[in-house]
């Protein structure tokens, strides 16, 4: 279920920090390199269209988990 929230670097970073994960740990969730997470957070690298829905869904789920913790 997509929340309609925009996929931004600020949102990626906020979720990662809320979970207490490093960029390396967070990158493992998405099976990408740490540098990809760094560029996502800096809004320097757009999430590829094929991966966008997956990333948005995972962020939405993690935001719910983080809010419940």
N, C-alpha and C. Protein backbone atom coordinates (compact mmCIF):
# COMPACT_ATOMS: atom_id res chain seq x y z
N UNK A 1 0.84 -1.18 0.00
CA UNK A 1 0.00 0.00 0.00
C UNK A 1 0.88 1.24 0.00
N UNK A 2 0.84 2.02 -1.05
CA UNK A 2 1.63 3.23 -1.14
C UNK A 2 0.91 4.36 -0.43
N UNK A 3 1.65 5.14 0.31
CA UNK A 3 1.06 6.21 1.10
C UNK A 3 0.89 7.50 0.32
N UNK A 4 1.49 7.60 -0.85
CA UNK A 4 1.43 8.83 -1.61
C UNK A 4 2.47 9.85 -1.17
N UNK A 5 3.27 9.51 -0.18
CA UNK A 5 4.32 10.42 0.27
C UNK A 5 5.45 10.42 -0.74
N UNK A 6 6.04 11.57 -0.93
CA UNK A 6 7.13 11.70 -1.89
C UNK A 6 8.37 10.98 -1.40
N UNK A 7 9.07 10.41 -2.34
CA UNK A 7 10.33 9.74 -2.04
C UNK A 7 11.43 10.79 -2.14
N UNK A 8 11.90 11.25 -0.99
CA UNK A 8 12.93 12.28 -0.94
C UNK A 8 14.13 11.78 -0.16
N UNK A 9 15.25 12.43 -0.36
CA UNK A 9 16.45 12.11 0.40
C UNK A 9 16.24 12.31 1.89
N UNK A 10 15.53 13.36 2.23
CA UNK A 10 15.24 13.64 3.65
C UNK A 10 14.44 12.50 4.27
N UNK A 11 13.47 11.98 3.54
CA UNK A 11 12.64 10.88 4.05
C UNK A 11 13.47 9.61 4.22
N UNK A 12 14.30 9.29 3.22
CA UNK A 12 15.16 8.11 3.32
C UNK A 12 16.05 8.22 4.55
N UNK A 13 16.67 9.35 4.74
CA UNK A 13 17.57 9.55 5.89
C UNK A 13 16.82 9.48 7.22
N UNK A 14 15.65 10.09 7.28
CA UNK A 14 14.87 10.09 8.51
C UNK A 14 14.50 8.67 8.93
N UNK A 15 14.07 7.86 7.98
CA UNK A 15 13.71 6.47 8.29
C UNK A 15 14.95 5.70 8.74
N UNK A 16 16.05 5.87 8.02
CA UNK A 16 17.29 5.17 8.38
C UNK A 16 17.74 5.52 9.79
N UNK A 17 17.72 6.80 10.11
CA UNK A 17 18.15 7.23 11.44
C UNK A 17 17.18 6.77 12.53
N UNK A 18 15.90 6.77 12.23
CA UNK A 18 14.91 6.31 13.20
C UNK A 18 15.15 4.84 13.56
N UNK A 19 15.63 4.08 12.57
CA UNK A 19 15.93 2.67 12.80
C UNK A 19 17.30 2.47 13.45
N UNK A 20 18.09 3.54 13.52
CA UNK A 20 19.41 3.45 14.12
C UNK A 20 20.40 2.69 13.26
N UNK A 21 20.21 2.74 11.96
CA UNK A 21 21.08 2.01 11.04
C UNK A 21 22.08 2.94 10.36
N UNK A 22 23.25 2.38 10.06
CA UNK A 22 24.22 3.09 9.25
C UNK A 22 23.77 3.02 7.80
N UNK A 23 24.42 3.79 6.96
CA UNK A 23 24.11 3.69 5.53
C UNK A 23 24.42 2.30 5.00
N UNK A 24 25.47 1.68 5.51
CA UNK A 24 25.84 0.32 5.07
C UNK A 24 24.73 -0.66 5.44
N UNK A 25 24.26 -0.58 6.67
CA UNK A 25 23.19 -1.49 7.12
C UNK A 25 21.90 -1.26 6.33
N UNK A 26 21.58 0.00 6.11
CA UNK A 26 20.36 0.34 5.37
C UNK A 26 20.47 -0.12 3.92
N UNK A 27 21.65 0.02 3.35
CA UNK A 27 21.87 -0.42 1.97
C UNK A 27 21.62 -1.91 1.81
N UNK A 28 21.96 -2.67 2.82
CA UNK A 28 21.73 -4.13 2.75
C UNK A 28 20.25 -4.46 2.59
N UNK A 29 19.38 -3.65 3.21
CA UNK A 29 17.93 -3.87 3.06
C UNK A 29 17.50 -3.82 1.61
N UNK A 30 18.13 -2.93 0.87
CA UNK A 30 17.74 -2.68 -0.52
C UNK A 30 18.65 -3.38 -1.53
N UNK A 31 19.63 -4.08 -1.00
CA UNK A 31 20.61 -4.78 -1.85
C UNK A 31 21.27 -3.83 -2.83
N UNK A 32 21.70 -2.69 -2.26
CA UNK A 32 22.45 -1.70 -3.04
C UNK A 32 23.71 -1.35 -2.27
N UNK A 33 24.60 -0.64 -2.93
CA UNK A 33 25.83 -0.20 -2.30
C UNK A 33 25.57 0.98 -1.37
N UNK A 34 26.41 1.14 -0.37
CA UNK A 34 26.29 2.27 0.57
C UNK A 34 26.30 3.59 -0.17
N UNK A 35 27.10 3.71 -1.22
CA UNK A 35 27.17 4.98 -1.95
C UNK A 35 25.83 5.33 -2.59
N UNK A 36 25.03 4.34 -2.91
CA UNK A 36 23.70 4.59 -3.47
C UNK A 36 22.81 5.24 -2.42
N UNK A 37 22.85 4.71 -1.19
CA UNK A 37 22.07 5.31 -0.10
C UNK A 37 22.53 6.75 0.14
N UNK A 38 23.83 6.95 0.13
CA UNK A 38 24.38 8.29 0.33
C UNK A 38 23.86 9.26 -0.73
N UNK A 39 23.85 8.82 -1.98
CA UNK A 39 23.37 9.68 -3.06
C UNK A 39 21.86 9.87 -3.00
N UNK A 40 21.11 8.82 -2.58
CA UNK A 40 19.66 9.00 -2.41
C UNK A 40 19.41 10.08 -1.37
N UNK A 41 20.12 9.98 -0.23
CA UNK A 41 19.90 10.93 0.85
C UNK A 41 20.27 12.36 0.45
N UNK A 42 21.23 12.51 -0.42
CA UNK A 42 21.65 13.83 -0.89
C UNK A 42 20.83 14.31 -2.08
N UNK A 43 19.84 13.51 -2.47
CA UNK A 43 19.02 13.81 -3.66
C UNK A 43 19.88 13.98 -4.91
N UNK A 44 21.00 13.28 -4.96
CA UNK A 44 21.89 13.34 -6.11
C UNK A 44 21.63 12.22 -7.12
N UNK A 45 20.91 11.19 -6.67
CA UNK A 45 20.67 10.05 -7.54
C UNK A 45 19.22 9.64 -7.40
N UNK A 46 18.42 9.84 -8.43
CA UNK A 46 17.02 9.43 -8.32
C UNK A 46 16.92 7.90 -8.24
N UNK A 47 15.93 7.45 -7.49
CA UNK A 47 15.68 6.01 -7.41
C UNK A 47 15.14 5.58 -8.77
N UNK A 48 15.73 4.54 -9.32
CA UNK A 48 15.31 4.05 -10.63
C UNK A 48 13.83 3.69 -10.60
N UNK A 49 13.15 3.96 -11.69
CA UNK A 49 11.71 3.75 -11.77
C UNK A 49 11.30 2.33 -11.36
N UNK A 50 12.05 1.33 -11.79
CA UNK A 50 11.71 -0.05 -11.45
C UNK A 50 11.80 -0.31 -9.95
N UNK A 51 12.65 0.42 -9.26
CA UNK A 51 12.85 0.19 -7.84
C UNK A 51 12.01 1.14 -6.97
N UNK A 52 11.50 2.19 -7.57
CA UNK A 52 10.80 3.23 -6.81
C UNK A 52 9.64 2.68 -5.97
N UNK A 53 8.77 1.89 -6.55
CA UNK A 53 7.62 1.37 -5.81
C UNK A 53 8.07 0.50 -4.64
N UNK A 54 9.10 -0.29 -4.86
CA UNK A 54 9.62 -1.15 -3.80
C UNK A 54 10.19 -0.31 -2.66
N UNK A 55 10.98 0.69 -2.99
CA UNK A 55 11.58 1.55 -1.98
C UNK A 55 10.49 2.30 -1.22
N UNK A 56 9.51 2.84 -1.91
CA UNK A 56 8.43 3.55 -1.25
C UNK A 56 7.65 2.64 -0.31
N UNK A 57 7.38 1.42 -0.74
CA UNK A 57 6.65 0.46 0.10
C UNK A 57 7.45 0.11 1.35
N UNK A 58 8.74 -0.15 1.19
CA UNK A 58 9.58 -0.49 2.34
C UNK A 58 9.68 0.69 3.30
N UNK A 59 9.86 1.89 2.78
CA UNK A 59 9.93 3.07 3.65
C UNK A 59 8.62 3.25 4.42
N UNK A 60 7.50 3.05 3.76
CA UNK A 60 6.21 3.18 4.43
C UNK A 60 6.09 2.18 5.57
N UNK A 61 6.50 0.94 5.32
CA UNK A 61 6.44 -0.09 6.36
C UNK A 61 7.39 0.25 7.51
N UNK A 62 8.59 0.70 7.18
CA UNK A 62 9.56 1.04 8.21
C UNK A 62 9.13 2.24 9.03
N UNK A 63 8.46 3.19 8.39
CA UNK A 63 7.94 4.34 9.13
C UNK A 63 6.90 3.90 10.15
N UNK A 64 6.07 2.94 9.78
CA UNK A 64 5.06 2.41 10.71
C UNK A 64 5.74 1.68 11.87
N UNK A 65 6.74 0.89 11.57
CA UNK A 65 7.46 0.15 12.59
C UNK A 65 8.18 1.13 13.52
N UNK A 66 8.83 2.12 12.93
CA UNK A 66 9.56 3.12 13.71
C UNK A 66 8.63 3.92 14.62
N UNK A 67 7.43 4.22 14.14
CA UNK A 67 6.48 4.98 14.93
C UNK A 67 5.94 4.16 16.09
N UNK A 68 5.87 2.86 15.91
CA UNK A 68 5.34 1.97 16.95
C UNK A 68 6.37 1.69 18.02
N UNK A 69 7.65 1.87 17.69
CA UNK A 69 8.73 1.54 18.64
C UNK A 69 8.89 2.60 19.70
